[in-house]
C-alpha atoms as a PDB file:
ATOM      1  CA  UNK A   1      -5.144 -12.651 -12.130  1.00  0.00           C
ATOM      2  CA  UNK A   2      -1.571 -12.367 -10.794  1.00  0.00           C
ATOM      3  CA  UNK A   3      -0.779 -13.367  -7.238  1.00  0.00           C
ATOM      4  CA  UNK A   4      -0.244 -10.569  -4.730  1.00  0.00           C
ATOM      5  CA  UNK A   5       3.337  -9.674  -3.939  1.00  0.00           C
ATOM      6  CA  UNK A   6       4.687  -9.715  -0.380  1.00  0.00           C
ATOM      7  CA  UNK A   7       4.695  -5.911  -0.403  1.00  0.00           C
ATOM      8  CA  UNK A   8       1.001  -5.854  -1.309  1.00  0.00           C
ATOM      9  CA  UNK A   9       0.173  -8.291   1.483  1.00  0.00           C
ATOM     10  CA  UNK A  10       2.218  -6.354   4.022  1.00  0.00           C
ATOM     11  CA  UNK A  11       0.848  -2.916   3.136  1.00  0.00           C
ATOM     12  CA  UNK A  12      -2.727  -4.166   2.912  1.00  0.00           C
ATOM     13  CA  UNK A  13      -2.584  -6.040   6.220  1.00  0.00           C
ATOM     14  CA  UNK A  14      -0.955  -3.134   8.027  1.00  0.00           C
ATOM     15  CA  UNK A  15      -3.600  -0.775   6.660  1.00  0.00           C
ATOM     16  CA  UNK A  16      -6.454  -3.034   7.785  1.00  0.00           C
ATOM     17  CA  UNK A  17      -5.077  -3.411  11.308  1.00  0.00           C
ATOM     18  CA  UNK A  18      -4.085   0.228  11.838  1.00  0.00           C
ATOM     19  CA  UNK A  19      -7.232   1.714  10.357  1.00  0.00           C
ATOM     20  CA  UNK A  20      -9.512  -0.672  12.269  1.00  0.00           C
ATOM     21  CA  UNK A  21      -7.787   0.109  15.570  1.00  0.00           C
ATOM     22  CA  UNK A  22      -7.801   3.843  14.911  1.00  0.00           C
ATOM     23  CA  UNK A  23     -11.490   3.925  13.985  1.00  0.00           C
ATOM     24  CA  UNK A  24     -12.476   1.747  16.966  1.00  0.00           C
ATOM     25  CA  UNK A  25     -10.546   3.980  19.364  1.00  0.00           C
ATOM     26  CA  UNK A  26     -11.791   7.247  17.849  1.00  0.00           C
ATOM     27  CA  UNK A  27     -15.463   6.284  17.621  1.00  0.00           C
ATOM     28  CA  UNK A  28     -15.545   4.254  20.877  1.00  0.00           C
ATOM     29  CA  UNK A  29     -18.056   1.936  19.196  1.00  0.00           C
ATOM     30  CA  UNK A  30     -19.266  -0.977  21.308  1.00  0.00           C
ATOM     31  CA  UNK A  31     -22.282  -2.141  19.299  1.00  0.00           C
ATOM     32  CA  UNK A  32     -22.092  -5.089  16.924  1.00  0.00           C
ATOM     33  CA  UNK A  33     -23.234  -3.264  13.783  1.00  0.00           C
ATOM     34  CA  UNK A  34     -20.756  -0.436  14.438  1.00  0.00           C
ATOM     35  CA  UNK A  35     -17.846  -2.863  14.751  1.00  0.00           C
ATOM     36  CA  UNK A  36     -18.929  -4.675  11.566  1.00  0.00           C
ATOM     37  CA  UNK A  37     -19.135  -1.361   9.685  1.00  0.00           C
ATOM     38  CA  UNK A  38     -15.668  -0.363  10.877  1.00  0.00           C
ATOM     39  CA  UNK A  39     -14.278  -3.773   9.882  1.00  0.00           C
ATOM     40  CA  UNK A  40     -15.774  -3.437   6.392  1.00  0.00           C
ATOM     41  CA  UNK A  41     -14.317   0.043   5.947  1.00  0.00           C
ATOM     42  CA  UNK A  42     -10.918  -1.155   7.204  1.00  0.00           C
ATOM     43  CA  UNK A  43     -10.969  -4.071   4.740  1.00  0.00           C
ATOM     44  CA  UNK A  44     -11.866  -1.723   1.887  1.00  0.00           C
ATOM     45  CA  UNK A  45      -8.993   0.597   2.819  1.00  0.00           C
ATOM     46  CA  UNK A  46      -6.588  -2.358   3.003  1.00  0.00           C
ATOM     47  CA  UNK A  47      -7.713  -3.623  -0.389  1.00  0.00           C
ATOM     48  CA  UNK A  48      -7.283  -0.172  -1.911  1.00  0.00           C
ATOM     49  CA  UNK A  49      -3.806   0.119  -0.433  1.00  0.00           C
ATOM     50  CA  UNK A  50      -2.774  -3.345  -1.641  1.00  0.00           C
ATOM     51  CA  UNK A  51      -3.963  -2.611  -5.165  1.00  0.00           C
ATOM     52  CA  UNK A  52      -2.234   0.779  -5.160  1.00  0.00           C
ATOM     53  CA  UNK A  53       1.243  -0.601  -4.406  1.00  0.00           C
ATOM     54  CA  UNK A  54       2.027  -1.696  -8.010  1.00  0.00           C
ATOM     55  CA  UNK A  55       0.959   1.707  -9.375  1.00  0.00           C
ATOM     56  CA  UNK A  56       3.360   3.470  -7.006  1.00  0.00           C
ATOM     57  CA  UNK A  57       6.196   1.170  -8.025  1.00  0.00           C
ATOM     58  CA  UNK A  58       5.460   1.697 -11.726  1.00  0.00           C
ATOM     59  CA  UNK A  59       5.293   5.458 -11.254  1.00  0.00           C
ATOM     60  CA  UNK A  60       8.699   5.491  -9.574  1.00  0.00           C
ATOM     61  CA  UNK A  61      10.350   3.301 -12.203  1.00  0.00           C
ATOM     62  CA  UNK A  62       9.314   5.411 -15.193  1.00  0.00           C
ATOM     63  CA  UNK A  63      11.512   8.442 -15.769  1.00  0.00           C
ATOM     64  CA  UNK A  64       9.943  11.837 -15.389  1.00  0.00           C
ATOM     65  CA  UNK A  65       9.315  13.677 -18.656  1.00  0.00           C
ATOM     66  CA  UNK A  66      11.885  16.308 -19.433  1.00  0.00           C
ATOM     67  CA  UNK A  67      10.814  19.874 -20.152  1.00  0.00           C
ATOM     68  CA  UNK A  68      10.691  20.936 -23.807  1.00  0.00           C
ATOM     69  CA  UNK A  69      13.707  23.206 -23.362  1.00  0.00           C
ATOM     70  CA  UNK A  70      15.831  20.259 -22.247  1.00  0.00           C
ATOM     71  CA  UNK A  71      14.739  18.150 -25.233  1.00  0.00           C
ATOM     72  CA  UNK A  72      15.587  20.811 -27.815  1.00  0.00           C
ATOM     73  CA  UNK A  73      19.043  20.505 -29.351  1.00  0.00           C
ATOM     74  CA  UNK A  74      21.603  22.943 -28.080  1.00  0.00           C
ATOM     75  CA  UNK A  75      21.755  26.071 -30.165  1.00  0.00           C
ATOM     76  CA  UNK A  76      24.576  28.455 -29.490  1.00  0.00           C
ATOM     77  CA  UNK A  77      23.564  32.077 -29.090  1.00  0.00           C
ATOM     78  CA  UNK A  78      24.800  34.233 -31.948  1.00  0.00           C
ATOM     79  CA  UNK A  79      27.167  36.895 -30.725  1.00  0.00           C
ATOM     80  CA  UNK A  80      27.601  40.150 -32.559  1.00  0.00           C
ATOM     81  CA  UNK A  81      30.869  41.953 -32.171  1.00  0.00           C
ATOM     82  CA  UNK A  82      31.735  45.444 -33.327  1.00  0.00           C
ATOM     83  CA  UNK A  83      34.416  45.728 -35.971  1.00  0.00           C
ATOM     84  CA  UNK A  84      37.860  46.515 -34.719  1.00  0.00           C
ATOM     85  CA  UNK A  85      38.873  50.151 -35.148  1.00  0.00           C
ATOM     86  CA  UNK A  86      40.983  50.653 -38.190  1.00  0.00           C
ATOM     87  CA  UNK A  87      44.072  52.777 -38.379  1.00  0.00           C
ATOM     88  CA  UNK A  88      42.670  54.560 -41.445  1.00  0.00           C
ATOM     89  CA  UNK A  89      39.948  56.497 -39.725  1.00  0.00           C
ATOM     90  CA  UNK A  90      37.747  57.120 -36.720  1.00  0.00           C
ATOM     91  CA  UNK A  91      35.662  54.377 -35.231  1.00  0.00           C
ATOM     92  CA  UNK A  92      32.162  53.899 -36.674  1.00  0.00           C
ATOM     93  CA  UNK A  93      29.278  54.479 -34.274  1.00  0.00           C
ATOM     94  CA  UNK A  94      27.986  51.294 -32.690  1.00  0.00           C
ATOM     95  CA  UNK A  95      24.317  50.305 -32.634  1.00  0.00           C
ATOM     96  CA  UNK A  96      22.960  49.346 -29.246  1.00  0.00           C
ATOM     97  CA  UNK A  97      20.118  46.793 -29.294  1.00  0.00           C
ATOM     98  CA  UNK A  98      16.813  48.275 -28.152  1.00  0.00           C
ATOM     99  CA  UNK A  99      16.368  45.555 -25.565  1.00  0.00           C
ATOM    100  CA  UNK A 100      19.311  46.874 -23.550  1.00  0.00           C
ATOM    101  CA  UNK A 101      18.168  50.511 -23.490  1.00  0.00           C
ATOM    102  CA  UNK A 102      16.645  51.660 -20.216  1.00  0.00           C
ATOM    103  CA  UNK A 103      14.066  54.403 -20.160  1.00  0.00           C
END
């Protein structure tokens, strides 16, 4: 099992202290079993926080997946142009794509 990093120790200790103080102040517990229960919950929260630090670091270091559109190679849109009018005769009627017609 690897040794805990300083960040794990710091986050875990801070969580234990802050959560224990907050729960003691909010519940106003003065009995022995109540204080022991709060201490156990605070230790569990601190342990969970300390073990969660490496997962957060790993999640930040891995790049976010790119959307499928960004991964696809660039494909230029085909453009259709009308033929230039000729001097020999009148201009041919142009077809308008159905997608651009408004009803």
